[in-house]
Amino acid sequence: MLVTGRRKVLLGAGALALAAAATACGGGGGTTVSPDDIVLGADNAPVTLIEYASSTCPHCADFHAEVFDQLKTNYIDTGRVRYVFREYPTAPPAVAVAGFQVARCGGATPEQYITRLGEVFRQQQAIFSTGTMEGVRQKLIEIGMSAGLSQEQVTQCITDETGAERVRRIVEGAEQFNVTGTPTFIINGEKVEDPSVVTYEGLSRLLDAALAG
């Protein structure tokens, strides 16, 4: 379901052999990096950019296809920005969690995670067009195997309920920033309300202002 141009979060019980869905919200979180986060960039970077995003969110897919590479090259790789990715599932939550699990599978590094997630984003429409949860599972297995994982590894990862527990913790922590949809961005602890943040021009302007400050 799309609300004001972003995919609204929908949590509930929806395992269906993919993953248990994240449920209740409340407490925790902030700008402190935790083991649940995917982090790129220097720990001592002057600016921290947090992105809450979902593997089933088309606007998140657009951002990663159109903006992320420039963000990484010009800000993350240059040591100016520490980038923190936080998993925030949108409908259908079981599929979103499964996508996160494929990205993490086999002890993926942050770089491997972002690459795999990018492929999930790229094939997002193909995943949904299968029309069944079994079709979704098979598509995710294909994506995982193309990244060098075995079918058994991917199957185990997307049915591992610890993934839902991790996502639940992240969703709980997101309450501090009043995250209600994806993508949502936090710059140095402040939620970004400027809609231009999803463009490279808008994001770079906001990052440059934070760096100057």
C-alpha atoms as a PDB file:
ATOM      1  CA  MET A   1       0.000   0.000   0.000  1.00  0.00           C
ATOM      2  CA  LEU A   2       1.433   3.367  -1.023  1.00  0.00           C
ATOM      3  CA  VAL A   3       0.897   6.447   1.104  1.00  0.00           C
ATOM      4  CA  THR A   4       2.164   9.919   0.083  1.00  0.00           C
ATOM      5  CA  GLY A   5       4.661   8.414  -2.314  1.00  0.00           C
ATOM      6  CA  ARG A   6       6.154   5.902   0.102  1.00  0.00           C
ATOM      7  CA  ARG A   7       5.285   2.330   0.942  1.00  0.00           C
ATOM      8  CA  LYS A   8       3.606   2.278   4.331  1.00  0.00           C
ATOM      9  CA  VAL A   9       4.913  -0.187   6.916  1.00  0.00           C
ATOM     10  CA  LEU A  10       2.730  -3.197   7.593  1.00  0.00           C
ATOM     11  CA  LEU A  11       3.766  -5.700  10.253  1.00  0.00           C
ATOM     12  CA  GLY A  12       2.053  -8.884  11.342  1.00  0.00           C
ATOM     13  CA  ALA A  13       2.155 -12.672  11.404  1.00  0.00           C
ATOM     14  CA  GLY A  14       3.116 -13.803   7.915  1.00  0.00           C
ATOM     15  CA  ALA A  15       5.790 -16.481   7.969  1.00  0.00           C
ATOM     16  CA  LEU A  16       4.455 -18.688   5.140  1.00  0.00           C
ATOM     17  CA  ALA A  17       7.720 -20.672   5.062  1.00  0.00           C
ATOM     18  CA  LEU A  18       9.757 -17.515   4.430  1.00  0.00           C
ATOM     19  CA  ALA A  19      10.143 -15.792   7.791  1.00  0.00           C
ATOM     20  CA  ALA A  20       8.180 -14.786  10.830  1.00  0.00           C
ATOM     21  CA  ALA A  21       6.979 -11.216  10.478  1.00  0.00           C
ATOM     22  CA  ALA A  22       8.064  -8.466  12.823  1.00  0.00           C
ATOM     23  CA  THR A  23       5.332  -7.389  15.202  1.00  0.00           C
ATOM     24  CA  ALA A  24       5.038  -5.054  18.176  1.00  0.00           C
ATOM     25  CA  CYS A  25       6.903  -1.756  18.407  1.00  0.00           C
ATOM     26  CA  GLY A  26       8.331   0.210  21.294  1.00  0.00           C
ATOM     27  CA  GLY A  27      11.613   1.612  22.603  1.00  0.00           C
ATOM     28  CA  GLY A  28      15.345   1.618  21.977  1.00  0.00           C
ATOM     29  CA  GLY A  29      17.352   2.602  18.934  1.00  0.00           C
ATOM     30  CA  GLY A  30      19.029   5.902  18.130  1.00  0.00           C
ATOM     31  CA  THR A  31      22.235   6.717  16.333  1.00  0.00           C
ATOM     32  CA  THR A  32      24.437   4.202  18.146  1.00  0.00           C
ATOM     33  CA  VAL A  33      25.441   1.446  15.754  1.00  0.00           C
ATOM     34  CA  SER A  34      24.446  -2.066  16.798  1.00  0.00           C
ATOM     35  CA  PRO A  35      25.284  -5.545  15.454  1.00  0.00           C
ATOM     36  CA  ASP A  36      21.893  -5.471  13.697  1.00  0.00           C
ATOM     37  CA  ASP A  37      23.022  -2.598  11.457  1.00  0.00           C
ATOM     38  CA  ILE A  38      24.779  -2.782   8.105  1.00  0.00           C
ATOM     39  CA  VAL A  39      27.548  -0.170   8.181  1.00  0.00           C
ATOM     40  CA  LEU A  40      29.743   1.258   5.438  1.00  0.00           C
ATOM     41  CA  GLY A  41      32.355   3.978   5.821  1.00  0.00           C
ATOM     42  CA  ALA A  42      34.749   5.290   8.425  1.00  0.00           C
ATOM     43  CA  ASP A  43      33.767   5.058  12.077  1.00  0.00           C
ATOM     44  CA  ASN A  44      35.099   8.582  12.618  1.00  0.00           C
ATOM     45  CA  ALA A  45      33.297  10.151   9.658  1.00  0.00           C
ATOM     46  CA  PRO A  46      31.920  13.575  10.619  1.00  0.00           C
ATOM     47  CA  VAL A  47      28.414  12.739   9.342  1.00  0.00           C
ATOM     48  CA  THR A  48      26.321   9.642   9.985  1.00  0.00           C
ATOM     49  CA  LEU A  49      23.541   8.868   7.509  1.00  0.00           C
ATOM     50  CA  ILE A  50      20.999   6.242   8.555  1.00  0.00           C
ATOM     51  CA  GLU A  51      18.612   4.790   6.017  1.00  0.00           C
ATOM     52  CA  TYR A  52      15.553   2.805   7.044  1.00  0.00           C
ATOM     53  CA  ALA A  53      14.517   0.801   3.996  1.00  0.00           C
ATOM     54  CA  SER A  54      12.668  -2.314   2.896  1.00  0.00           C
ATOM     55  CA  SER A  55      13.539  -4.921   0.325  1.00  0.00           C
ATOM     56  CA  THR A  56       9.914  -4.762  -0.897  1.00  0.00           C
ATOM     57  CA  CYS A  57       9.759  -0.959  -1.184  1.00  0.00           C
ATOM     58  CA  PRO A  58       9.863   0.286  -4.809  1.00  0.00           C
ATOM     59  CA  HIS A  59      10.996   3.761  -3.741  1.00  0.00           C
ATOM     60  CA  CYS A  60      13.915   2.219  -1.848  1.00  0.00           C
ATOM     61  CA  ALA A  61      14.768   0.273  -5.002  1.00  0.00           C
ATOM     62  CA  ASP A  62      14.717   3.505  -7.003  1.00  0.00           C
ATOM     63  CA  PHE A  63      17.007   5.229  -4.496  1.00  0.00           C
ATOM     64  CA  HIS A  64      19.553   2.425  -4.588  1.00  0.00           C
ATOM     65  CA  ALA A  65      19.449   2.240  -8.380  1.00  0.00           C
ATOM     66  CA  GLU A  66      19.689   5.972  -9.009  1.00  0.00           C
ATOM     67  CA  VAL A  67      21.486   7.519  -6.017  1.00  0.00           C
ATOM     68  CA  PHE A  68      23.415   5.021  -3.914  1.00  0.00           C
ATOM     69  CA  ASP A  69      26.468   4.547  -6.141  1.00  0.00           C
ATOM     70  CA  GLN A  70      27.105   8.305  -6.216  1.00  0.00           C
ATOM     71  CA  LEU A  71      26.563   8.518  -2.465  1.00  0.00           C
ATOM     72  CA  LYS A  72      29.090   5.744  -1.901  1.00  0.00           C
ATOM     73  CA  THR A  73      31.708   7.137  -4.285  1.00  0.00           C
ATOM     74  CA  ASN A  74      31.515  10.771  -3.223  1.00  0.00           C
ATOM     75  CA  TYR A  75      30.749  10.565   0.480  1.00  0.00           C
ATOM     76  CA  ILE A  76      31.136   7.092   1.995  1.00  0.00           C
ATOM     77  CA  ASP A  77      34.363   6.004   0.274  1.00  0.00           C
ATOM     78  CA  THR A  78      35.943   9.409   0.882  1.00  0.00           C
ATOM     79  CA  GLY A  79      35.519   9.089   4.659  1.00  0.00           C
ATOM     80  CA  ARG A  80      33.060  11.936   4.978  1.00  0.00           C
ATOM     81  CA  VAL A  81      29.930   9.915   5.707  1.00  0.00           C
ATOM     82  CA  ARG A  82      29.311   6.772   7.712  1.00  0.00           C
ATOM     83  CA  TYR A  83      26.312   4.999   6.181  1.00  0.00           C
ATOM     84  CA  VAL A  84      24.061   2.831   8.340  1.00  0.00           C
ATOM     85  CA  PHE A  85      21.396   0.659   6.714  1.00  0.00           C
ATOM     86  CA  ARG A  86      18.514  -0.500   8.917  1.00  0.00           C
ATOM     87  CA  GLU A  87      15.991  -3.105   7.831  1.00  0.00           C
ATOM     88  CA  TYR A  88      12.410  -1.866   8.074  1.00  0.00           C
ATOM     89  CA  PRO A  89       9.902  -4.246   6.445  1.00  0.00           C
ATOM     90  CA  THR A  90       6.995  -3.081   4.329  1.00  0.00           C
ATOM     91  CA  ALA A  91       4.202  -5.217   2.926  1.00  0.00           C
ATOM     92  CA  PRO A  92       4.303  -8.115   2.499  1.00  0.00           C
ATOM     93  CA  PRO A  93       6.495  -8.360   5.633  1.00  0.00           C
ATOM     94  CA  ALA A  94       7.391 -12.036   5.212  1.00  0.00           C
ATOM     95  CA  VAL A  95       8.859 -11.310   1.779  1.00  0.00           C
ATOM     96  CA  ALA A  96      10.688  -8.220   3.052  1.00  0.00           C
ATOM     97  CA  VAL A  97      12.318 -10.181   5.877  1.00  0.00           C
ATOM     98  CA  ALA A  98      13.219 -12.985   3.480  1.00  0.00           C
ATOM     99  CA  GLY A  99      14.931 -10.469   1.199  1.00  0.00           C
ATOM    100  CA  PHE A 100      16.965  -9.165   4.121  1.00  0.00           C
ATOM    101  CA  GLN A 101      17.882 -12.725   5.057  1.00  0.00           C
ATOM    102  CA  VAL A 102      19.189 -13.501   1.579  1.00  0.00           C
ATOM    103  CA  ALA A 103      21.307 -10.355   1.706  1.00  0.00           C
ATOM    104  CA  ARG A 104      22.802 -11.423   5.052  1.00  0.00           C
ATOM    105  CA  CYS A 105      23.106 -15.130   4.291  1.00  0.00           C
ATOM    106  CA  GLY A 106      26.382 -16.928   4.905  1.00  0.00           C
ATOM    107  CA  GLY A 107      27.912 -14.180   7.029  1.00  0.00           C
ATOM    108  CA  ALA A 108      27.893 -11.570   4.269  1.00  0.00           C
ATOM    109  CA  THR A 109      30.118  -8.530   4.672  1.00  0.00           C
ATOM    110  CA  PRO A 110      28.408  -5.110   4.547  1.00  0.00           C
ATOM    111  CA  GLU A 111      29.596  -4.731   0.959  1.00  0.00           C
ATOM    112  CA  GLN A 112      28.204  -8.156   0.015  1.00  0.00           C
ATOM    113  CA  TYR A 113      24.951  -7.314   1.773  1.00  0.00           C
ATOM    114  CA  ILE A 114      24.487  -4.103  -0.208  1.00  0.00           C
ATOM    115  CA  THR A 115      25.324  -5.879  -3.475  1.00  0.00           C
ATOM    116  CA  ARG A 116      22.821  -8.667  -2.812  1.00  0.00           C
ATOM    117  CA  LEU A 117      20.159  -6.237  -1.655  1.00  0.00           C
ATOM    118  CA  GLY A 118      20.735  -4.299  -4.860  1.00  0.00           C
ATOM    119  CA  GLU A 119      19.959  -7.444  -6.830  1.00  0.00           C
ATOM    120  CA  VAL A 120      16.803  -8.034  -4.785  1.00  0.00           C
ATOM    121  CA  PHE A 121      15.812  -4.453  -5.590  1.00  0.00           C
ATOM    122  CA  ARG A 122      16.626  -4.938  -9.274  1.00  0.00           C
ATOM    123  CA  GLN A 123      14.438  -8.036  -9.460  1.00  0.00           C
ATOM    124  CA  GLN A 124      11.712  -6.700  -7.187  1.00  0.00           C
ATOM    125  CA  GLN A 125       9.022  -6.708  -9.867  1.00  0.00           C
ATOM    126  CA  ALA A 126      10.008 -10.196 -11.020  1.00  0.00           C
ATOM    127  CA  ILE A 127       9.781 -11.432  -7.432  1.00  0.00           C
ATOM    128  CA  PHE A 128       6.271 -10.069  -6.998  1.00  0.00           C
ATOM    129  CA  SER A 129       5.125 -11.187 -10.431  1.00  0.00           C
ATOM    130  CA  THR A 130       5.539 -14.839  -9.451  1.00  0.00           C
ATOM    131  CA  GLY A 131       2.191 -14.482  -7.694  1.00  0.00           C
ATOM    132  CA  THR A 132       2.781 -17.127  -5.023  1.00  0.00           C
ATOM    133  CA  MET A 133       4.903 -17.444  -1.897  1.00  0.00           C
ATOM    134  CA  GLU A 134       6.559 -20.517  -3.412  1.00  0.00           C
ATOM    135  CA  GLY A 135       7.396 -18.499  -6.497  1.00  0.00           C
ATOM    136  CA  VAL A 136       8.889 -15.781  -4.306  1.00  0.00           C
ATOM    137  CA  ARG A 137      10.961 -18.381  -2.462  1.00  0.00           C
ATOM    138  CA  GLN A 138      12.296 -19.823  -5.695  1.00  0.00           C
ATOM    139  CA  LYS A 139      13.192 -16.381  -7.009  1.00  0.00           C
ATOM    140  CA  LEU A 140      15.069 -15.532  -3.820  1.00  0.00           C
ATOM    141  CA  ILE A 141      16.903 -18.851  -4.037  1.00  0.00           C
ATOM    142  CA  GLU A 142      17.965 -17.939  -7.582  1.00  0.00           C
ATOM    143  CA  ILE A 143      19.265 -14.571  -6.372  1.00  0.00           C
ATOM    144  CA  GLY A 144      21.161 -16.203  -3.517  1.00  0.00           C
ATOM    145  CA  MET A 145      22.678 -18.866  -5.748  1.00  0.00           C
ATOM    146  CA  SER A 146      23.807 -16.209  -8.231  1.00  0.00           C
ATOM    147  CA  ALA A 147      25.759 -14.703  -5.305  1.00  0.00           C
ATOM    148  CA  GLY A 148      27.545 -18.005  -4.678  1.00  0.00           C
ATOM    149  CA  LEU A 149      25.283 -19.449  -2.012  1.00  0.00           C
ATOM    150  CA  SER A 150      23.874 -22.960  -2.166  1.00  0.00           C
ATOM    151  CA  GLN A 151      20.160 -23.660  -2.338  1.00  0.00           C
ATOM    152  CA  GLU A 152      20.388 -25.211   1.108  1.00  0.00           C
ATOM    153  CA  GLN A 153      22.044 -22.105   2.543  1.00  0.00           C
ATOM    154  CA  VAL A 154      19.416 -19.781   1.109  1.00  0.00           C
ATOM    155  CA  THR A 155      16.546 -21.988   2.242  1.00  0.00           C
ATOM    156  CA  GLN A 156      17.939 -22.122   5.760  1.00  0.00           C
ATOM    157  CA  CYS A 157      18.459 -18.364   5.839  1.00  0.00           C
ATOM    158  CA  ILE A 158      14.977 -17.396   4.663  1.00  0.00           C
ATOM    159  CA  THR A 159      13.323 -19.741   7.162  1.00  0.00           C
ATOM    160  CA  ASP A 160      15.511 -18.690  10.109  1.00  0.00           C
ATOM    161  CA  GLU A 161      13.202 -16.917  12.562  1.00  0.00           C
ATOM    162  CA  THR A 162      16.106 -15.081  14.211  1.00  0.00           C
ATOM    163  CA  GLY A 163      15.853 -12.762  11.212  1.00  0.00           C
ATOM    164  CA  ALA A 164      12.395 -11.671  12.290  1.00  0.00           C
ATOM    165  CA  GLU A 165      13.659 -11.095  15.821  1.00  0.00           C
ATOM    166  CA  ARG A 166      16.423  -8.860  14.499  1.00  0.00           C
ATOM    167  CA  VAL A 167      14.003  -6.893  12.340  1.00  0.00           C
ATOM    168  CA  ARG A 168      11.652  -6.519  15.297  1.00  0.00           C
ATOM    169  CA  ARG A 169      14.433  -4.907  17.319  1.00  0.00           C
ATOM    170  CA  ILE A 170      15.172  -2.484  14.492  1.00  0.00           C
ATOM    171  CA  VAL A 171      11.503  -1.550  14.120  1.00  0.00           C
ATOM    172  CA  GLU A 172      11.240  -0.958  17.849  1.00  0.00           C
ATOM    173  CA  GLY A 173      14.255   1.338  17.758  1.00  0.00           C
ATOM    174  CA  ALA A 174      12.842   3.260  14.810  1.00  0.00           C
ATOM    175  CA  GLU A 175      10.073   4.636  17.022  1.00  0.00           C
ATOM    176  CA  GLN A 176      12.559   7.175  18.361  1.00  0.00           C
ATOM    177  CA  PHE A 177      12.587   8.804  14.924  1.00  0.00           C
ATOM    178  CA  ASN A 178       8.869   8.302  14.214  1.00  0.00           C
ATOM    179  CA  VAL A 179       9.621   6.200  11.168  1.00  0.00           C
ATOM    180  CA  THR A 180       6.355   5.387   9.403  1.00  0.00           C
ATOM    181  CA  GLY A 181       7.457   4.579   5.859  1.00  0.00           C
ATOM    182  CA  THR A 182      10.429   3.861   3.673  1.00  0.00           C
ATOM    183  CA  PRO A 183      12.866   5.107   2.745  1.00  0.00           C
ATOM    184  CA  THR A 184      13.421   7.288   5.798  1.00  0.00           C
ATOM    185  CA  PHE A 185      16.751   9.048   6.337  1.00  0.00           C
ATOM    186  CA  ILE A 186      18.402  10.288   9.530  1.00  0.00           C
ATOM    187  CA  ILE A 187      21.359  12.689   9.321  1.00  0.00           C
ATOM    188  CA  ASN A 188      23.382  13.085  12.519  1.00  0.00           C
ATOM    189  CA  GLY A 189      20.433  12.035  14.641  1.00  0.00           C
ATOM    190  CA  GLU A 190      17.817  14.200  12.937  1.00  0.00           C
ATOM    191  CA  LYS A 191      15.040  12.789  10.763  1.00  0.00           C
ATOM    192  CA  VAL A 192      15.082  14.309   7.283  1.00  0.00           C
ATOM    193  CA  GLU A 193      11.713  15.756   6.275  1.00  0.00           C
ATOM    194  CA  ASP A 194      12.890  17.238   2.965  1.00  0.00           C
ATOM    195  CA  PRO A 195      11.419  15.046   0.175  1.00  0.00           C
ATOM    196  CA  SER A 196      14.363  15.865  -2.090  1.00  0.00           C
ATOM    197  CA  VAL A 197      16.535  13.563   0.038  1.00  0.00           C
ATOM    198  CA  VAL A 198      15.662  10.689  -2.326  1.00  0.00           C
ATOM    199  CA  THR A 199      17.500  12.455  -5.170  1.00  0.00           C
ATOM    200  CA  TYR A 200      21.264  12.757  -5.374  1.00  0.00           C
ATOM    201  CA  GLU A 201      21.059  16.538  -5.667  1.00  0.00           C
ATOM    202  CA  GLY A 202      18.877  16.834  -2.598  1.00  0.00           C
ATOM    203  CA  LEU A 203      20.834  14.340  -0.528  1.00  0.00           C
ATOM    204  CA  SER A 204      24.209  15.859  -1.421  1.00  0.00           C
ATOM    205  CA  ARG A 205      22.941  19.311  -0.470  1.00  0.00           C
ATOM    206  CA  LEU A 206      21.799  18.040   2.921  1.00  0.00           C
ATOM    207  CA  LEU A 207      25.039  16.137   3.506  1.00  0.00           C
ATOM    208  CA  ASP A 208      27.153  19.120   2.494  1.00  0.00           C
ATOM    209  CA  ALA A 209      25.218  21.295   4.956  1.00  0.00           C
ATOM    210  CA  ALA A 210      25.831  18.765   7.728  1.00  0.00           C
ATOM    211  CA  LEU A 211      29.530  18.590   6.845  1.00  0.00           C
ATOM    212  CA  ALA A 212      29.783  22.372   6.865  1.00  0.00           C
ATOM    213  CA  GLY A 213      28.026  22.545  10.203  1.00  0.00           C
END
